[in-house]
Protein backbone atom coordinates (compact mmCIF):
# COMPACT_ATOMS: atom_id res chain seq x y z
CA UNK A 1 -13.91 -25.41 -37.00
CA UNK A 2 -15.59 -28.31 -38.69
CA UNK A 3 -15.00 -29.27 -42.28
CA UNK A 4 -18.67 -28.83 -43.07
CA UNK A 5 -18.67 -25.18 -41.89
CA UNK A 6 -16.58 -23.81 -44.78
CA UNK A 7 -15.94 -26.34 -47.49
CA UNK A 8 -14.26 -23.85 -49.85
CA UNK A 9 -11.67 -22.92 -47.23
CA UNK A 10 -10.80 -26.54 -46.59
CA UNK A 11 -10.50 -27.21 -50.31
CA UNK A 12 -8.15 -24.23 -50.66
CA UNK A 13 -6.07 -25.40 -47.70
CA UNK A 14 -5.89 -28.88 -49.20
CA UNK A 15 -4.28 -27.55 -52.40
CA UNK A 16 -1.43 -25.75 -50.63
CA UNK A 17 2.01 -27.21 -50.52
CA UNK A 18 2.94 -28.51 -47.02
CA UNK A 19 5.65 -26.45 -45.32
CA UNK A 20 8.52 -28.29 -43.74
CA UNK A 21 10.44 -26.67 -40.92
CA UNK A 22 14.18 -26.63 -41.24
CA UNK A 23 16.05 -28.74 -38.68
CA UNK A 24 18.06 -25.61 -37.82
CA UNK A 25 15.00 -23.38 -37.29
CA UNK A 26 15.62 -22.79 -33.56
CA UNK A 27 19.30 -21.99 -34.12
CA UNK A 28 18.51 -19.51 -36.88
CA UNK A 29 15.77 -17.83 -34.82
CA UNK A 30 18.09 -17.36 -31.83
CA UNK A 31 20.84 -16.00 -34.10
CA UNK A 32 18.47 -13.37 -35.54
CA UNK A 33 17.35 -12.35 -32.06
CA UNK A 34 20.97 -11.89 -30.99
CA UNK A 35 21.74 -9.86 -34.11
CA UNK A 36 18.90 -7.42 -33.43
CA UNK A 37 19.93 -4.11 -31.80
CA UNK A 38 19.84 -4.18 -28.04
CA UNK A 39 18.46 -1.20 -26.16
CA UNK A 40 20.53 -1.58 -22.98
CA UNK A 41 23.67 -3.18 -24.38
CA UNK A 42 25.84 -0.33 -23.08
CA UNK A 43 24.48 -0.89 -19.56
CA UNK A 44 25.33 -4.58 -19.66
CA UNK A 45 28.93 -3.63 -20.48
CA UNK A 46 29.16 -1.39 -17.38
CA UNK A 47 27.69 -4.00 -15.05
CA UNK A 48 30.48 -6.50 -15.59
CA UNK A 49 32.78 -6.86 -12.54
CA UNK A 50 35.89 -6.00 -14.58
CA UNK A 51 34.44 -2.55 -15.24
CA UNK A 52 32.20 -2.06 -12.20
CA UNK A 53 34.85 -2.57 -9.49
CA UNK A 54 37.36 0.01 -10.82
CA UNK A 55 34.57 2.49 -11.62
CA UNK A 56 33.22 2.18 -8.07
CA UNK A 57 36.72 2.65 -6.63
CA UNK A 58 37.25 5.75 -8.75
CA UNK A 59 33.88 7.19 -7.66
CA UNK A 60 34.72 6.58 -4.01
CA UNK A 61 38.13 8.25 -4.43
CA UNK A 62 36.55 11.31 -6.06
CA UNK A 63 34.00 11.58 -3.23
CA UNK A 64 36.77 11.26 -0.62
CA UNK A 65 38.80 14.02 -2.29
CA UNK A 66 35.76 16.29 -2.47
CA UNK A 67 35.02 15.73 1.21
CA UNK A 68 38.64 16.40 2.16
CA UNK A 69 38.88 19.58 0.11
CA UNK A 70 35.49 20.98 1.09
CA UNK A 71 35.77 23.49 3.94
CA UNK A 72 32.60 24.77 5.58
CA UNK A 73 32.25 28.55 5.87
CA UNK A 74 32.20 28.31 9.68
CA UNK A 75 35.94 27.50 9.71
CA UNK A 76 36.81 30.83 8.09
CA UNK A 77 34.96 32.96 10.66
CA UNK A 78 37.19 34.59 13.24
CA UNK A 79 36.55 33.75 16.94
CA UNK A 80 35.53 37.36 17.71
CA UNK A 81 32.62 37.03 15.31
CA UNK A 82 31.43 33.78 16.91
CA UNK A 83 29.84 35.36 19.98
CA UNK A 84 26.11 34.73 19.98
CA UNK A 85 23.73 37.66 20.20
CA UNK A 86 22.24 36.35 23.46
CA UNK A 87 25.54 36.60 25.34
CA UNK A 88 26.25 40.03 23.88
CA UNK A 89 22.85 41.30 25.11
CA UNK A 90 23.42 40.32 28.78
CA UNK A 91 23.87 43.21 31.16
CA UNK A 92 26.92 43.08 33.45
CA UNK A 93 24.70 42.86 36.54
CA UNK A 94 23.08 39.67 35.19
CA UNK A 95 26.36 37.71 35.09
CA UNK A 96 25.76 36.31 38.59
CA UNK A 97 22.35 34.96 37.53
CA UNK A 98 23.82 33.42 34.39
CA UNK A 99 26.62 31.80 36.40
CA UNK A 100 24.04 30.34 38.80
CA UNK A 101 22.02 29.02 35.85
CA UNK A 102 25.15 27.37 34.43
CA UNK A 103 25.78 25.61 37.75
CA UNK A 104 22.14 24.52 37.91
CA UNK A 105 22.29 23.12 34.38
CA UNK A 106 25.51 21.24 35.17
CA UNK A 107 23.94 19.77 38.31
CA UNK A 108 20.82 18.78 36.36
CA UNK A 109 22.91 17.02 33.70
CA UNK A 110 24.78 15.02 36.32
CA UNK A 111 21.49 14.04 37.98
CA UNK A 112 20.28 12.63 34.69
CA UNK A 113 22.16 9.38 35.34
CA UNK A 114 20.79 9.17 38.90
CA UNK A 115 17.19 9.39 37.63
CA UNK A 116 17.73 6.43 35.30
CA UNK A 117 19.05 4.32 38.17
CA UNK A 118 15.95 5.07 40.26
CA UNK A 119 13.52 4.04 37.50
CA UNK A 120 15.20 0.66 37.12
C-alpha cells in the first residue's frame, strides 16, 4: 500500500505510540502455551516406559490366565457322543467297503511324497 493511497490512515498510524516487544516475549508465550489445558495429557502419562512396561506385562498375564482357564465345550462331551452321524449311518455289510477305502486313502497319502519326487 502506498502512502498516497490513503493519507488519513497513514496520518493516524503516525500518531500511534510505537510498541516495544519485551525481551522475554518468547519465554512468556511458551509458558502460556504450556499452562493451557492439554487434550491428551492423560495419554502422554500412559505412554511413558515406567507405566507402559508394567501395564503391558499385566495385560499379558491376564490374557494368559484367561486362556488357561477357558475350556472349550468339546472337552466336556463324552466319547460316546462324539461319533459322527456318517459312521452311525453305515450298514454292517458296508464295513468291508469302508475298510478298503481307508486302505486306499492311506496308500494315496503315502504316494503323495512319491509324486513330489517325480515332479522335481
